[in-house]
Amino acid sequence: MQPTHVTEFFSTLLDHIYSNKRDLHATAGIVICDVSGHLGIFALIKHASTVKKSETKSPTRSFAQTNIDYFNNILENTDFNEVFNETCPNKEI
């Protein structure tokens, strides 16, 4: 283990990385930088994913005219009077 706090007179290991995963595959290290006497630490954790990337699908929204018309119809037929007439901004409606 290497020290993470280094001065002219002493060196100490002040930082620790903990995890509650027993079968964690990780690599940790120290970022060597002369900005301060306290060095940064990092952890690279390998995520064991059971989902293949090719099977994942990003969420999308269809802006087809039928969806726009449906949305506009819902807005036109919604009564917003309770919202417009409320004077207290903290009241749940």
C-alpha atoms as a PDB file:
ATOM      1  CA  MET A   1       0.000   0.000   0.000  1.00  0.00           C
ATOM      2  CA  GLN A   2       1.219   3.465  -0.819  1.00  0.00           C
ATOM      3  CA  PRO A   3       0.703   6.634   1.228  1.00  0.00           C
ATOM      4  CA  THR A   4      -1.947   9.146   0.169  1.00  0.00           C
ATOM      5  CA  HIS A   5      -0.743  12.009   2.372  1.00  0.00           C
ATOM      6  CA  VAL A   6       2.882  12.969   1.866  1.00  0.00           C
ATOM      7  CA  THR A   7       4.855  15.772   3.515  1.00  0.00           C
ATOM      8  CA  GLU A   8       8.533  16.506   3.924  1.00  0.00           C
ATOM      9  CA  PHE A   9       8.554  14.797   7.329  1.00  0.00           C
ATOM     10  CA  PHE A  10       6.055  11.914   7.108  1.00  0.00           C
ATOM     11  CA  SER A  11       3.785   9.847   4.897  1.00  0.00           C
ATOM     12  CA  THR A  12       0.442   8.303   5.859  1.00  0.00           C
ATOM     13  CA  LEU A  13      -2.315   6.276   4.276  1.00  0.00           C
ATOM     14  CA  LEU A  14      -5.492   8.236   5.019  1.00  0.00           C
ATOM     15  CA  ASP A  15      -7.952   7.056   2.374  1.00  0.00           C
ATOM     16  CA  HIS A  16      -9.766   3.761   2.096  1.00  0.00           C
ATOM     17  CA  ILE A  17     -12.272   2.301  -0.352  1.00  0.00           C
ATOM     18  CA  TYR A  18     -14.861  -0.089   1.073  1.00  0.00           C
ATOM     19  CA  SER A  19     -17.546  -2.228  -0.540  1.00  0.00           C
ATOM     20  CA  ASN A  20     -20.100  -4.704   0.719  1.00  0.00           C
ATOM     21  CA  LYS A  21     -19.760  -6.876  -2.395  1.00  0.00           C
ATOM     22  CA  ARG A  22     -17.640  -9.959  -1.688  1.00  0.00           C
ATOM     23  CA  ASP A  23     -17.147 -11.018  -5.299  1.00  0.00           C
ATOM     24  CA  LEU A  24     -16.267  -7.536  -6.545  1.00  0.00           C
ATOM     25  CA  HIS A  25     -13.672  -7.330  -9.282  1.00  0.00           C
ATOM     26  CA  ALA A  26     -12.004  -3.966  -8.773  1.00  0.00           C
ATOM     27  CA  THR A  27      -8.716  -2.192  -9.231  1.00  0.00           C
ATOM     28  CA  ALA A  28      -7.779   0.727  -7.016  1.00  0.00           C
ATOM     29  CA  GLY A  29      -4.932   3.163  -7.127  1.00  0.00           C
ATOM     30  CA  ILE A  30      -3.546   6.567  -6.291  1.00  0.00           C
ATOM     31  CA  VAL A  31      -3.556   9.597  -8.549  1.00  0.00           C
ATOM     32  CA  ILE A  32      -0.054  11.054  -8.386  1.00  0.00           C
ATOM     33  CA  CYS A  33      -0.340  14.840  -8.618  1.00  0.00           C
ATOM     34  CA  ASP A  34       1.667  17.661  -7.048  1.00  0.00           C
ATOM     35  CA  VAL A  35      -1.318  19.974  -6.542  1.00  0.00           C
ATOM     36  CA  SER A  36      -1.428  19.238  -2.820  1.00  0.00           C
ATOM     37  CA  GLY A  37       0.132  16.949  -0.251  1.00  0.00           C
ATOM     38  CA  HIS A  38      -2.994  14.797  -0.291  1.00  0.00           C
ATOM     39  CA  LEU A  39      -3.154  12.418  -3.264  1.00  0.00           C
ATOM     40  CA  GLY A  40      -6.414  11.325  -4.857  1.00  0.00           C
ATOM     41  CA  ILE A  41      -7.597   7.740  -4.958  1.00  0.00           C
ATOM     42  CA  PHE A  42      -9.699   5.885  -7.511  1.00  0.00           C
ATOM     43  CA  ALA A  43     -11.459   2.566  -7.955  1.00  0.00           C
ATOM     44  CA  LEU A  44     -12.297   0.864 -11.241  1.00  0.00           C
ATOM     45  CA  ILE A  45     -15.121  -1.605 -10.694  1.00  0.00           C
ATOM     46  CA  LYS A  46     -15.976  -4.243 -13.262  1.00  0.00           C
ATOM     47  CA  HIS A  47     -19.736  -4.516 -13.544  1.00  0.00           C
ATOM     48  CA  ALA A  48     -20.988  -8.021 -14.252  1.00  0.00           C
ATOM     49  CA  SER A  49     -23.974  -7.301 -16.453  1.00  0.00           C
ATOM     50  CA  THR A  50     -26.368 -10.060 -17.421  1.00  0.00           C
ATOM     51  CA  VAL A  51     -27.962  -7.969 -20.185  1.00  0.00           C
ATOM     52  CA  LYS A  52     -26.220  -7.912 -23.527  1.00  0.00           C
ATOM     53  CA  LYS A  53     -25.771  -4.473 -25.050  1.00  0.00           C
ATOM     54  CA  SER A  54     -27.383  -5.596 -28.283  1.00  0.00           C
ATOM     55  CA  GLU A  55     -30.549  -6.507 -26.355  1.00  0.00           C
ATOM     56  CA  THR A  56     -30.946  -3.169 -24.618  1.00  0.00           C
ATOM     57  CA  LYS A  57     -33.231  -0.628 -26.224  1.00  0.00           C
ATOM     58  CA  SER A  58     -33.043   3.058 -25.529  1.00  0.00           C
ATOM     59  CA  PRO A  59     -36.362   4.664 -24.630  1.00  0.00           C
ATOM     60  CA  THR A  60     -37.728   6.745 -27.474  1.00  0.00           C
ATOM     61  CA  ARG A  61     -40.731   8.947 -28.047  1.00  0.00           C
ATOM     62  CA  SER A  62     -42.678   8.872 -31.283  1.00  0.00           C
ATOM     63  CA  PHE A  63     -43.700  12.289 -32.579  1.00  0.00           C
ATOM     64  CA  ALA A  64     -46.056  10.822 -35.156  1.00  0.00           C
ATOM     65  CA  GLN A  65     -48.986  13.072 -36.015  1.00  0.00           C
ATOM     66  CA  THR A  66     -51.458  10.648 -34.408  1.00  0.00           C
ATOM     67  CA  ASN A  67     -49.565  10.897 -31.097  1.00  0.00           C
ATOM     68  CA  ILE A  68     -49.457  14.698 -31.298  1.00  0.00           C
ATOM     69  CA  ASP A  69     -53.193  14.813 -32.043  1.00  0.00           C
ATOM     70  CA  TYR A  70     -53.893  12.452 -29.140  1.00  0.00           C
ATOM     71  CA  PHE A  71     -51.823  14.598 -26.756  1.00  0.00           C
ATOM     72  CA  ASN A  72     -53.501  17.823 -27.936  1.00  0.00           C
ATOM     73  CA  ASN A  73     -56.923  16.215 -27.486  1.00  0.00           C
ATOM     74  CA  ILE A  74     -56.091  15.289 -23.887  1.00  0.00           C
ATOM     75  CA  LEU A  75     -54.940  18.856 -23.179  1.00  0.00           C
ATOM     76  CA  GLU A  76     -58.043  20.399 -24.771  1.00  0.00           C
ATOM     77  CA  ASN A  77     -60.361  18.167 -22.723  1.00  0.00           C
ATOM     78  CA  THR A  78     -58.623  18.632 -19.371  1.00  0.00           C
ATOM     79  CA  ASP A  79     -60.168  21.043 -16.883  1.00  0.00           C
ATOM     80  CA  PHE A  80     -57.358  23.207 -15.487  1.00  0.00           C
ATOM     81  CA  ASN A  81     -59.651  25.586 -13.550  1.00  0.00           C
ATOM     82  CA  GLU A  82     -58.639  24.117 -10.199  1.00  0.00           C
ATOM     83  CA  VAL A  83     -54.996  24.839 -11.034  1.00  0.00           C
ATOM     84  CA  PHE A  84     -55.629  28.331 -12.437  1.00  0.00           C
ATOM     85  CA  ASN A  85     -57.793  29.389  -9.474  1.00  0.00           C
ATOM     86  CA  GLU A  86     -55.446  28.163  -6.737  1.00  0.00           C
ATOM     87  CA  THR A  87     -53.626  30.986  -4.930  1.00  0.00           C
ATOM     88  CA  CYS A  88     -51.468  28.942  -2.571  1.00  0.00           C
ATOM     89  CA  PRO A  89     -48.400  27.526  -4.376  1.00  0.00           C
ATOM     90  CA  ASN A  90     -47.815  24.927  -1.630  1.00  0.00           C
ATOM     91  CA  LYS A  91     -51.235  23.264  -1.929  1.00  0.00           C
ATOM     92  CA  GLU A  92     -51.273  19.848  -3.538  1.00  0.00           C
ATOM     93  CA  ILE A  93     -53.861  19.511  -6.239  1.00  0.00           C
END
